[in-house]
């Protein structure tokens, strides 16, 4: 994936940005678990692409509609590993997580990759992609 940047953009301080993005990513997980649709909408870019571990892809509108049409479907959602790398105004967050759905005894383990862009003083999530580790969706 290529990310274009104009010369008028200012790069963020990488050390501070890593902390900001990892904190935001943790809040994103809490919002998913608690089904905080308002928070998820605020941090999700209008051009968002969500690629589920099954390979299905959704736009922001589809993702938000799915969240709005249910109460939280997660009984647990834990980030096991998370690291962020900053490239000027772009943060790449990669790691692993496990979660379980309400009413299910199985647990999903997956790797994730999320891309955040810093615009107008805030980070927004532009891409989420997950890959299941073991098992099937």
C-alpha atoms as a PDB file:
ATOM      1  CA  UNK A   1       0.000   0.000   0.000  1.00  0.00           C
ATOM      2  CA  UNK A   2       1.409   3.385  -0.939  1.00  0.00           C
ATOM      3  CA  UNK A   3       0.596   6.475   1.054  1.00  0.00           C
ATOM      4  CA  UNK A   4       1.002   9.831  -0.663  1.00  0.00           C
ATOM      5  CA  UNK A   5       1.955  12.866   1.369  1.00  0.00           C
ATOM      6  CA  UNK A   6       2.080  16.453   0.270  1.00  0.00           C
ATOM      7  CA  UNK A   7       4.968  18.729   1.148  1.00  0.00           C
ATOM      8  CA  UNK A   8       2.610  20.896   3.256  1.00  0.00           C
ATOM      9  CA  UNK A   9       2.052  18.074   5.785  1.00  0.00           C
ATOM     10  CA  UNK A  10       4.018  18.209   9.009  1.00  0.00           C
ATOM     11  CA  UNK A  11       5.451  15.001  10.386  1.00  0.00           C
ATOM     12  CA  UNK A  12       4.564  14.110  13.950  1.00  0.00           C
ATOM     13  CA  UNK A  13       7.075  13.467  16.729  1.00  0.00           C
ATOM     14  CA  UNK A  14       7.659   9.699  16.375  1.00  0.00           C
ATOM     15  CA  UNK A  15       8.189   8.957  20.079  1.00  0.00           C
ATOM     16  CA  UNK A  16       5.022  10.781  21.155  1.00  0.00           C
ATOM     17  CA  UNK A  17       3.077   9.379  18.205  1.00  0.00           C
ATOM     18  CA  UNK A  18       3.863   5.768  19.085  1.00  0.00           C
ATOM     19  CA  UNK A  19       2.365   6.274  22.547  1.00  0.00           C
ATOM     20  CA  UNK A  20      -0.669   8.144  21.186  1.00  0.00           C
ATOM     21  CA  UNK A  21      -1.437   5.528  18.559  1.00  0.00           C
ATOM     22  CA  UNK A  22      -1.015   2.553  20.903  1.00  0.00           C
ATOM     23  CA  UNK A  23      -3.323   4.233  23.442  1.00  0.00           C
ATOM     24  CA  UNK A  24      -5.874   4.954  20.720  1.00  0.00           C
ATOM     25  CA  UNK A  25      -5.636   1.377  19.468  1.00  0.00           C
ATOM     26  CA  UNK A  26      -6.325   0.078  22.993  1.00  0.00           C
ATOM     27  CA  UNK A  27      -9.349   2.404  23.245  1.00  0.00           C
ATOM     28  CA  UNK A  28     -10.508   1.021  19.888  1.00  0.00           C
ATOM     29  CA  UNK A  29     -10.472  -2.499  21.323  1.00  0.00           C
ATOM     30  CA  UNK A  30     -12.464  -1.387  24.377  1.00  0.00           C
ATOM     31  CA  UNK A  31     -14.944   0.346  22.056  1.00  0.00           C
ATOM     32  CA  UNK A  32     -15.309  -2.848  20.011  1.00  0.00           C
ATOM     33  CA  UNK A  33     -15.873  -4.918  23.146  1.00  0.00           C
ATOM     34  CA  UNK A  34     -18.351  -2.384  24.570  1.00  0.00           C
ATOM     35  CA  UNK A  35     -19.880  -1.645  21.161  1.00  0.00           C
ATOM     36  CA  UNK A  36     -19.200   2.086  21.509  1.00  0.00           C
ATOM     37  CA  UNK A  37     -20.371   2.973  18.001  1.00  0.00           C
ATOM     38  CA  UNK A  38     -19.945   6.735  18.533  1.00  0.00           C
ATOM     39  CA  UNK A  39     -16.265   6.387  19.471  1.00  0.00           C
ATOM     40  CA  UNK A  40     -15.564   3.951  16.638  1.00  0.00           C
ATOM     41  CA  UNK A  41     -17.213   6.316  14.161  1.00  0.00           C
ATOM     42  CA  UNK A  42     -15.095   9.239  15.419  1.00  0.00           C
ATOM     43  CA  UNK A  43     -11.750   7.428  14.989  1.00  0.00           C
ATOM     44  CA  UNK A  44     -12.576   5.667  11.717  1.00  0.00           C
ATOM     45  CA  UNK A  45     -11.676   7.414   8.465  1.00  0.00           C
ATOM     46  CA  UNK A  46     -14.367   8.013   5.835  1.00  0.00           C
ATOM     47  CA  UNK A  47     -12.346   5.875   3.372  1.00  0.00           C
ATOM     48  CA  UNK A  48     -11.832   3.037   5.888  1.00  0.00           C
ATOM     49  CA  UNK A  49     -11.285  -0.527   4.678  1.00  0.00           C
ATOM     50  CA  UNK A  50     -11.898  -3.401   7.099  1.00  0.00           C
ATOM     51  CA  UNK A  51     -10.637  -6.808   5.965  1.00  0.00           C
ATOM     52  CA  UNK A  52     -11.919  -9.511   8.303  1.00  0.00           C
ATOM     53  CA  UNK A  53      -9.920 -12.654   9.044  1.00  0.00           C
ATOM     54  CA  UNK A  54     -12.372 -14.536   6.793  1.00  0.00           C
ATOM     55  CA  UNK A  55     -11.234 -12.370   3.871  1.00  0.00           C
ATOM     56  CA  UNK A  56     -14.484 -10.395   3.662  1.00  0.00           C
ATOM     57  CA  UNK A  57     -13.958  -6.661   3.153  1.00  0.00           C
ATOM     58  CA  UNK A  58     -16.187  -3.846   4.405  1.00  0.00           C
ATOM     59  CA  UNK A  59     -16.276  -0.088   3.975  1.00  0.00           C
ATOM     60  CA  UNK A  60     -16.711   2.287   6.914  1.00  0.00           C
ATOM     61  CA  UNK A  61     -20.455   2.459   6.264  1.00  0.00           C
ATOM     62  CA  UNK A  62     -20.748  -1.338   6.257  1.00  0.00           C
ATOM     63  CA  UNK A  63     -18.549  -1.696   9.333  1.00  0.00           C
ATOM     64  CA  UNK A  64     -20.485   0.951  11.275  1.00  0.00           C
ATOM     65  CA  UNK A  65     -23.842  -0.493  10.201  1.00  0.00           C
ATOM     66  CA  UNK A  66     -22.718  -3.883  11.493  1.00  0.00           C
ATOM     67  CA  UNK A  67     -21.720  -2.373  14.836  1.00  0.00           C
ATOM     68  CA  UNK A  68     -24.900  -0.278  15.137  1.00  0.00           C
ATOM     69  CA  UNK A  69     -27.181  -3.251  14.473  1.00  0.00           C
ATOM     70  CA  UNK A  70     -26.060  -5.215  17.510  1.00  0.00           C
ATOM     71  CA  UNK A  71     -25.040  -4.984  21.079  1.00  0.00           C
ATOM     72  CA  UNK A  72     -21.472  -6.008  21.765  1.00  0.00           C
ATOM     73  CA  UNK A  73     -20.806  -9.419  20.335  1.00  0.00           C
ATOM     74  CA  UNK A  74     -17.516  -9.862  22.193  1.00  0.00           C
ATOM     75  CA  UNK A  75     -17.288 -11.408  25.637  1.00  0.00           C
ATOM     76  CA  UNK A  76     -13.539 -10.778  25.574  1.00  0.00           C
ATOM     77  CA  UNK A  77     -11.070  -8.991  23.315  1.00  0.00           C
ATOM     78  CA  UNK A  78      -7.406  -8.898  24.313  1.00  0.00           C
ATOM     79  CA  UNK A  79      -4.412  -7.483  22.446  1.00  0.00           C
ATOM     80  CA  UNK A  80      -1.549  -9.897  23.135  1.00  0.00           C
ATOM     81  CA  UNK A  81       1.128  -7.948  21.277  1.00  0.00           C
ATOM     82  CA  UNK A  82       1.077  -4.517  19.678  1.00  0.00           C
ATOM     83  CA  UNK A  83       3.787  -2.380  18.150  1.00  0.00           C
ATOM     84  CA  UNK A  84       3.611   0.832  16.177  1.00  0.00           C
ATOM     85  CA  UNK A  85       5.955   2.286  13.596  1.00  0.00           C
ATOM     86  CA  UNK A  86       5.603   5.906  12.543  1.00  0.00           C
ATOM     87  CA  UNK A  87       6.257   7.155   9.004  1.00  0.00           C
ATOM     88  CA  UNK A  88       5.782  10.937   9.135  1.00  0.00           C
ATOM     89  CA  UNK A  89       1.957  11.163   9.527  1.00  0.00           C
ATOM     90  CA  UNK A  90       1.231   7.448   9.119  1.00  0.00           C
ATOM     91  CA  UNK A  91       1.268   4.827  11.860  1.00  0.00           C
ATOM     92  CA  UNK A  92       1.426   1.129  11.130  1.00  0.00           C
ATOM     93  CA  UNK A  93       0.240  -0.958  14.064  1.00  0.00           C
ATOM     94  CA  UNK A  94       0.860  -4.702  14.012  1.00  0.00           C
ATOM     95  CA  UNK A  95       0.407  -7.436  16.555  1.00  0.00           C
ATOM     96  CA  UNK A  96      -1.720 -10.302  17.743  1.00  0.00           C
ATOM     97  CA  UNK A  97      -4.980 -10.621  19.629  1.00  0.00           C
ATOM     98  CA  UNK A  98      -7.493 -13.137  20.842  1.00  0.00           C
ATOM     99  CA  UNK A  99     -11.195 -12.735  21.375  1.00  0.00           C
ATOM    100  CA  UNK A 100     -14.367 -14.667  21.947  1.00  0.00           C
ATOM    101  CA  UNK A 101     -17.920 -14.003  20.942  1.00  0.00           C
ATOM    102  CA  UNK A 102     -20.770 -13.916  23.440  1.00  0.00           C
ATOM    103  CA  UNK A 103     -22.442 -17.289  23.584  1.00  0.00           C
ATOM    104  CA  UNK A 104     -19.455 -19.122  22.110  1.00  0.00           C
ATOM    105  CA  UNK A 105     -16.929 -21.321  23.855  1.00  0.00           C
ATOM    106  CA  UNK A 106     -14.337 -21.000  21.080  1.00  0.00           C
ATOM    107  CA  UNK A 107     -11.630 -18.385  21.026  1.00  0.00           C
ATOM    108  CA  UNK A 108     -10.172 -16.735  17.935  1.00  0.00           C
ATOM    109  CA  UNK A 109      -6.444 -15.971  17.735  1.00  0.00           C
ATOM    110  CA  UNK A 110      -5.322 -13.633  14.977  1.00  0.00           C
ATOM    111  CA  UNK A 111      -2.671 -11.249  13.732  1.00  0.00           C
ATOM    112  CA  UNK A 112      -3.715  -7.693  12.943  1.00  0.00           C
ATOM    113  CA  UNK A 113      -2.437  -4.817  10.895  1.00  0.00           C
ATOM    114  CA  UNK A 114      -3.963  -1.370  11.275  1.00  0.00           C
ATOM    115  CA  UNK A 115      -2.987   1.841   9.585  1.00  0.00           C
ATOM    116  CA  UNK A 116      -3.703   5.216  11.143  1.00  0.00           C
ATOM    117  CA  UNK A 117      -3.210   8.623   9.502  1.00  0.00           C
ATOM    118  CA  UNK A 118      -2.661  11.862  11.427  1.00  0.00           C
ATOM    119  CA  UNK A 119      -4.772  14.662   9.905  1.00  0.00           C
ATOM    120  CA  UNK A 120      -6.172  17.843  11.358  1.00  0.00           C
ATOM    121  CA  UNK A 121      -4.620  17.093  14.740  1.00  0.00           C
ATOM    122  CA  UNK A 122      -6.020  13.595  15.213  1.00  0.00           C
ATOM    123  CA  UNK A 123      -5.296   9.989  14.314  1.00  0.00           C
ATOM    124  CA  UNK A 124      -7.880   8.110  12.261  1.00  0.00           C
ATOM    125  CA  UNK A 125      -7.950   4.424  11.428  1.00  0.00           C
ATOM    126  CA  UNK A 126      -7.883   3.969   7.649  1.00  0.00           C
ATOM    127  CA  UNK A 127      -7.259   0.221   7.330  1.00  0.00           C
ATOM    128  CA  UNK A 128      -7.758  -2.851   9.502  1.00  0.00           C
ATOM    129  CA  UNK A 129      -6.758  -6.314   8.344  1.00  0.00           C
ATOM    130  CA  UNK A 130      -6.674  -9.490  10.395  1.00  0.00           C
ATOM    131  CA  UNK A 131      -5.470 -13.000   9.678  1.00  0.00           C
ATOM    132  CA  UNK A 132      -6.651 -15.890  11.780  1.00  0.00           C
ATOM    133  CA  UNK A 133      -3.944 -18.028  13.344  1.00  0.00           C
ATOM    134  CA  UNK A 134      -5.064 -21.667  13.311  1.00  0.00           C
ATOM    135  CA  UNK A 135      -8.652 -22.862  12.949  1.00  0.00           C
ATOM    136  CA  UNK A 136     -11.185 -21.371  10.577  1.00  0.00           C
ATOM    137  CA  UNK A 137     -13.786 -18.587  10.643  1.00  0.00           C
END
